[in-house]
Protein backbone atom coordinates (compact mmCIF):
# COMPACT_ATOMS: atom_id res chain seq x y z
CA MET A 1 80.05 38.57 97.18
CA GLU A 2 80.00 42.04 98.74
CA LEU A 3 78.11 44.34 96.37
CA GLU A 4 80.15 47.49 97.08
CA SER A 5 83.38 45.64 96.36
CA VAL A 6 81.91 44.28 93.11
CA ARG A 7 80.76 47.80 92.19
CA GLU A 8 84.25 49.20 92.72
CA THR A 9 85.90 46.38 90.77
CA LEU A 10 83.54 46.67 87.79
CA HIS A 11 83.78 50.47 87.80
CA ASP A 12 87.57 50.11 87.56
CA LEU A 13 87.27 47.54 84.74
CA GLU A 14 84.84 49.72 82.76
CA LYS A 15 87.21 52.69 83.14
CA LYS A 16 90.13 50.49 82.10
CA LEU A 17 88.31 49.59 78.88
CA LEU A 18 88.20 53.30 78.02
CA THR A 19 91.98 53.83 78.29
CA PRO A 20 94.17 53.92 75.16
CA GLU A 21 96.54 51.36 76.73
CA THR A 22 93.76 48.79 77.04
CA ARG A 23 91.85 49.70 73.87
CA THR A 24 94.95 49.06 71.74
CA SER A 25 96.09 45.88 73.54
CA PRO A 26 94.64 42.65 72.14
CA GLU A 27 95.97 40.83 75.22
CA GLU A 28 94.20 43.14 77.69
CA ILE A 29 90.96 43.16 75.70
CA SER A 30 91.06 39.37 75.42
CA LEU A 31 91.28 39.05 79.21
CA LEU A 32 88.37 41.42 79.83
CA LEU A 33 85.95 40.13 77.18
CA ALA A 34 84.39 36.67 77.51
CA ASP A 35 84.64 34.34 74.53
CA GLU A 36 80.88 34.72 73.95
CA PHE A 37 81.05 38.55 74.14
CA PHE A 38 78.95 40.62 71.76
CA GLU A 39 78.11 44.31 71.54
CA PHE A 40 75.49 46.55 70.00
CA GLY A 41 77.68 49.58 69.30
CA SER A 42 76.50 53.18 69.46
CA SER A 43 77.02 53.21 65.67
CA GLY A 44 74.44 50.44 65.28
CA THR A 45 77.12 47.89 64.40
CA VAL A 46 77.16 44.48 66.09
CA PHE A 47 80.61 43.39 67.31
CA VAL A 48 81.92 40.11 68.71
CA LYS A 49 85.14 39.49 70.64
CA LYS A 50 87.29 38.78 67.57
CA ASP A 51 86.28 42.18 66.12
CA CYS A 52 87.67 43.88 69.23
CA ILE A 53 91.04 42.15 69.37
CA GLY A 54 92.09 42.71 65.77
CA GLU A 55 94.65 45.23 64.55
CA GLY A 56 94.16 48.57 66.30
CA GLY A 57 91.92 47.01 68.92
CA LEU A 58 88.98 49.17 69.90
CA GLY A 59 90.55 52.41 68.68
CA VAL A 60 91.67 55.36 70.75
CA ARG A 61 89.16 57.95 71.92
CA LYS A 62 89.07 60.36 74.84
CA MET A 63 86.14 59.26 76.98
CA THR A 64 84.93 60.00 80.50
CA LEU A 65 82.64 57.63 82.44
CA PHE A 66 80.05 58.97 84.92
CA SER A 67 76.73 58.08 86.63
CA PHE A 68 77.90 54.49 87.22
CA GLU A 69 75.41 52.00 88.73
CA ILE A 70 75.23 48.22 89.10
CA LYS A 71 72.45 45.66 89.50
CA LEU A 72 72.97 42.05 90.53
CA LEU A 73 71.15 39.85 87.98
CA ALA A 74 72.15 36.43 89.34
CA PRO A 75 74.97 35.02 91.43
CA ASN A 76 78.18 36.18 89.71
CA VAL A 77 76.30 38.11 86.98
CA VAL A 78 76.07 41.90 87.15
CA LEU A 79 74.56 44.62 84.95
CA THR A 80 76.47 47.91 84.86
CA THR A 81 74.90 51.11 83.54
CA TYR A 82 76.58 54.46 83.07
CA ARG A 83 77.12 57.40 80.76
CA VAL A 84 80.16 58.21 78.65
CA ASN A 85 81.21 61.57 77.31
CA ASP A 86 83.23 61.03 74.10
CA GLU A 87 85.27 64.19 73.66
CA ILE A 88 86.49 63.30 70.17
CA ARG A 89 83.05 62.51 68.73
CA LYS A 90 81.43 65.29 70.82
CA GLN A 91 78.80 62.78 71.87
CA GLN A 92 77.30 61.32 75.04
CA THR A 93 76.14 57.72 75.18
CA LEU A 94 74.18 55.59 77.61
CA ARG A 95 76.12 52.39 78.26
CA SER A 96 75.17 49.01 79.67
CA SER A 97 77.31 45.93 80.17
CA ILE A 98 76.73 42.48 81.57
CA TRP A 99 79.68 41.06 83.47
CA LYS A 100 80.05 37.44 84.54
CA TYR A 101 82.56 35.95 86.97
CA ILE A 102 84.36 33.33 84.84
CA ASP A 103 87.67 31.56 85.53
CA ASP A 104 88.32 33.55 88.73
CA ARG A 105 87.87 36.98 87.10
CA TRP A 106 85.15 39.31 85.85
CA GLN A 107 84.59 39.18 82.09
CA MET A 108 82.21 41.24 79.99
CA VAL A 109 79.70 39.13 78.05
CA PHE A 110 77.54 41.93 76.59
CA HIS A 111 77.79 45.67 75.98
CA GLN A 112 75.53 48.27 74.40
CA GLY A 113 76.09 51.94 73.66
CA THR A 114 73.14 54.20 72.84
CA PRO A 115 73.64 57.82 71.72
CA THR A 116 71.77 60.42 73.75
CA THR A 117 71.29 64.15 73.52
CA THR A 118 70.91 64.73 77.26
């Protein structure tokens, strides 16, 4: 596994999860989130996969991802960290995700969003 290639792939997948087309598509979300996925949302709410693939999906927001980094945790398990600027909520959040290579594709198993003022 070449780390730079993994970084590029996961960066693209994280950006994809911010697009309205993906956020409103239960099929796309289902492919990207592992069955055991859970999230600590920036609102303080805990979500699981079925919460994300219901009617309306993840909801549409205008968000920009920046300061993206990765750290290899184990073979085929990667931590991503980055910041998101949410233009609708007028808020920045620190984000972290754990991705695992499952069934020949990367799937997110955990995500956390933490509001920040900087």
